[in-house]
N, C-alpha and C. Protein backbone atom coordinates (compact mmCIF):
# COMPACT_ATOMS: atom_id res chain seq x y z
N MET A 1 52.57 -32.46 -11.41
CA MET A 1 52.98 -33.25 -12.54
C MET A 1 51.78 -34.05 -13.03
N ARG A 2 51.58 -34.09 -14.35
CA ARG A 2 50.47 -34.83 -14.94
C ARG A 2 51.00 -36.15 -15.49
N ILE A 3 50.38 -37.23 -15.07
CA ILE A 3 50.76 -38.56 -15.53
C ILE A 3 50.00 -38.86 -16.80
N ILE A 4 50.67 -39.46 -17.77
CA ILE A 4 50.01 -39.81 -19.03
C ILE A 4 48.83 -40.72 -18.74
N GLY A 5 47.69 -40.40 -19.32
CA GLY A 5 46.49 -41.18 -19.11
C GLY A 5 45.63 -40.67 -17.97
N GLN A 6 46.17 -39.74 -17.19
CA GLN A 6 45.42 -39.17 -16.06
C GLN A 6 44.46 -38.11 -16.59
N ALA A 7 43.27 -38.06 -16.05
CA ALA A 7 42.26 -37.09 -16.49
C ALA A 7 42.71 -35.67 -16.16
N SER A 8 42.36 -34.76 -17.01
CA SER A 8 42.67 -33.35 -16.82
C SER A 8 41.71 -32.76 -15.79
N GLU A 9 42.14 -31.69 -15.14
CA GLU A 9 41.29 -31.00 -14.17
C GLU A 9 40.07 -30.38 -14.86
N SER A 10 40.29 -29.80 -16.03
CA SER A 10 39.17 -29.19 -16.76
C SER A 10 39.05 -29.86 -18.12
N LEU A 11 37.94 -30.50 -18.34
CA LEU A 11 37.72 -31.17 -19.62
C LEU A 11 36.99 -30.22 -20.56
N GLU A 12 37.51 -30.11 -21.76
CA GLU A 12 36.88 -29.27 -22.77
C GLU A 12 36.44 -30.19 -23.91
N PRO A 13 35.14 -30.28 -24.16
CA PRO A 13 34.68 -31.19 -25.22
C PRO A 13 35.15 -30.73 -26.60
N ARG A 14 35.75 -31.67 -27.33
CA ARG A 14 36.23 -31.40 -28.68
C ARG A 14 35.90 -32.60 -29.56
N ILE A 15 35.81 -32.34 -30.86
CA ILE A 15 35.64 -33.41 -31.82
C ILE A 15 36.72 -33.28 -32.88
N TYR A 16 37.08 -34.40 -33.48
CA TYR A 16 38.04 -34.36 -34.58
C TYR A 16 37.26 -34.55 -35.87
N VAL A 17 37.42 -33.63 -36.79
CA VAL A 17 36.78 -33.75 -38.09
C VAL A 17 37.87 -33.83 -39.15
N ALA A 18 37.60 -34.60 -40.19
CA ALA A 18 38.58 -34.78 -41.25
C ALA A 18 37.89 -34.79 -42.61
N CYS A 19 38.64 -34.48 -43.61
CA CYS A 19 38.14 -34.46 -44.98
C CYS A 19 38.30 -35.86 -45.58
N LEU A 20 37.20 -36.51 -45.90
CA LEU A 20 37.24 -37.86 -46.45
C LEU A 20 37.80 -37.85 -47.87
N ALA A 21 37.55 -36.81 -48.64
CA ALA A 21 38.11 -36.73 -50.00
C ALA A 21 39.63 -36.73 -49.95
N ALA A 22 40.21 -35.98 -49.01
CA ALA A 22 41.67 -35.96 -48.86
C ALA A 22 42.16 -37.33 -48.40
N TYR A 23 41.44 -37.93 -47.45
CA TYR A 23 41.82 -39.25 -46.93
C TYR A 23 41.83 -40.28 -48.06
N ASN A 24 40.84 -40.22 -48.93
CA ASN A 24 40.77 -41.17 -50.05
C ASN A 24 41.92 -40.98 -51.02
N ARG A 25 42.55 -39.81 -51.01
CA ARG A 25 43.72 -39.54 -51.85
C ARG A 25 45.02 -39.84 -51.10
N GLY A 26 44.91 -40.38 -49.89
CA GLY A 26 46.09 -40.73 -49.12
C GLY A 26 46.63 -39.60 -48.27
N LEU A 27 45.84 -38.56 -48.06
CA LEU A 27 46.27 -37.40 -47.28
C LEU A 27 45.42 -37.27 -46.03
N LEU A 28 46.04 -36.90 -44.94
CA LEU A 28 45.29 -36.65 -43.71
C LEU A 28 45.12 -35.15 -43.54
N HIS A 29 43.89 -34.70 -43.51
CA HIS A 29 43.60 -33.28 -43.34
C HIS A 29 42.41 -33.16 -42.40
N GLY A 30 42.67 -32.67 -41.19
CA GLY A 30 41.60 -32.55 -40.22
C GLY A 30 41.99 -31.58 -39.12
N ALA A 31 41.09 -31.39 -38.18
CA ALA A 31 41.35 -30.46 -37.08
C ALA A 31 40.50 -30.83 -35.88
N TRP A 32 41.03 -30.54 -34.70
CA TRP A 32 40.26 -30.66 -33.46
C TRP A 32 39.45 -29.38 -33.32
N ILE A 33 38.16 -29.51 -33.08
CA ILE A 33 37.27 -28.35 -32.99
C ILE A 33 36.58 -28.37 -31.63
N GLU A 34 36.61 -27.22 -30.97
CA GLU A 34 35.91 -27.08 -29.69
C GLU A 34 34.42 -27.16 -29.96
N VAL A 35 33.69 -27.86 -29.14
CA VAL A 35 32.26 -28.05 -29.34
C VAL A 35 31.50 -26.72 -29.30
N GLU A 36 31.98 -25.77 -28.52
CA GLU A 36 31.29 -24.49 -28.40
C GLU A 36 31.47 -23.61 -29.63
N ASP A 37 32.43 -23.91 -30.50
CA ASP A 37 32.67 -23.09 -31.69
C ASP A 37 31.52 -23.23 -32.68
N ASP A 38 31.49 -22.33 -33.66
CA ASP A 38 30.51 -22.41 -34.74
C ASP A 38 30.94 -23.54 -35.66
N LEU A 39 30.36 -24.72 -35.47
CA LEU A 39 30.80 -25.92 -36.18
C LEU A 39 30.62 -25.80 -37.69
N ALA A 40 29.53 -25.23 -38.14
CA ALA A 40 29.29 -25.12 -39.58
C ALA A 40 30.39 -24.29 -40.24
N ALA A 41 30.75 -23.17 -39.63
CA ALA A 41 31.80 -22.31 -40.19
C ALA A 41 33.15 -23.00 -40.14
N MET A 42 33.43 -23.71 -39.05
CA MET A 42 34.70 -24.42 -38.93
C MET A 42 34.81 -25.53 -39.98
N LEU A 43 33.72 -26.28 -40.20
CA LEU A 43 33.74 -27.34 -41.20
C LEU A 43 33.89 -26.79 -42.61
N ALA A 44 33.21 -25.70 -42.90
CA ALA A 44 33.33 -25.07 -44.23
C ALA A 44 34.76 -24.63 -44.48
N GLY A 45 35.40 -24.04 -43.46
CA GLY A 45 36.80 -23.61 -43.59
C GLY A 45 37.74 -24.79 -43.76
N LEU A 46 37.48 -25.86 -43.02
CA LEU A 46 38.32 -27.06 -43.13
C LEU A 46 38.24 -27.64 -44.53
N LEU A 47 37.02 -27.77 -45.06
CA LEU A 47 36.86 -28.34 -46.40
C LEU A 47 37.44 -27.42 -47.47
N ALA A 48 37.30 -26.11 -47.31
CA ALA A 48 37.84 -25.17 -48.29
C ALA A 48 39.36 -25.25 -48.36
N ALA A 49 40.01 -25.54 -47.23
CA ALA A 49 41.48 -25.61 -47.18
C ALA A 49 42.00 -27.01 -47.45
N SER A 50 41.13 -27.95 -47.73
CA SER A 50 41.53 -29.35 -47.88
C SER A 50 42.30 -29.60 -49.16
N PRO A 51 43.36 -30.41 -49.07
CA PRO A 51 44.06 -30.82 -50.28
C PRO A 51 43.23 -31.78 -51.12
N GLY A 52 42.09 -32.21 -50.58
CA GLY A 52 41.17 -33.08 -51.32
C GLY A 52 40.31 -32.29 -52.29
N GLY A 53 40.50 -31.00 -52.36
CA GLY A 53 39.77 -30.17 -53.31
C GLY A 53 38.55 -29.49 -52.73
N GLY A 54 38.21 -29.76 -51.47
CA GLY A 54 37.06 -29.13 -50.86
C GLY A 54 35.75 -29.53 -51.50
N ARG A 55 35.76 -30.66 -52.19
CA ARG A 55 34.55 -31.11 -52.87
C ARG A 55 33.71 -32.01 -52.00
N GLY A 56 34.12 -32.19 -50.77
CA GLY A 56 33.42 -33.10 -49.88
C GLY A 56 32.00 -32.63 -49.58
N VAL A 57 31.16 -33.57 -49.27
CA VAL A 57 29.79 -33.27 -48.88
C VAL A 57 29.73 -33.34 -47.37
N GLN A 58 29.20 -32.31 -46.77
CA GLN A 58 29.10 -32.23 -45.32
C GLN A 58 27.93 -33.07 -44.83
N ALA A 59 28.21 -34.01 -43.93
CA ALA A 59 27.14 -34.85 -43.37
C ALA A 59 26.27 -34.02 -42.44
N ARG A 60 25.01 -34.33 -42.39
CA ARG A 60 24.10 -33.61 -41.52
C ARG A 60 23.40 -34.56 -40.62
């Protein structure tokens, strides 16, 4: 049984990315992305599918 707040046996590094343009319009649009994934492709896909219009500028 896993207790809430207890560390997992295997930790997988992830980051949460969100579209700021959607957020500024009052919408939450984001995704948890595994660090090992192709981040550039994942971010491009996230912005393209954003209800914020995908007009966001990707920080570098």
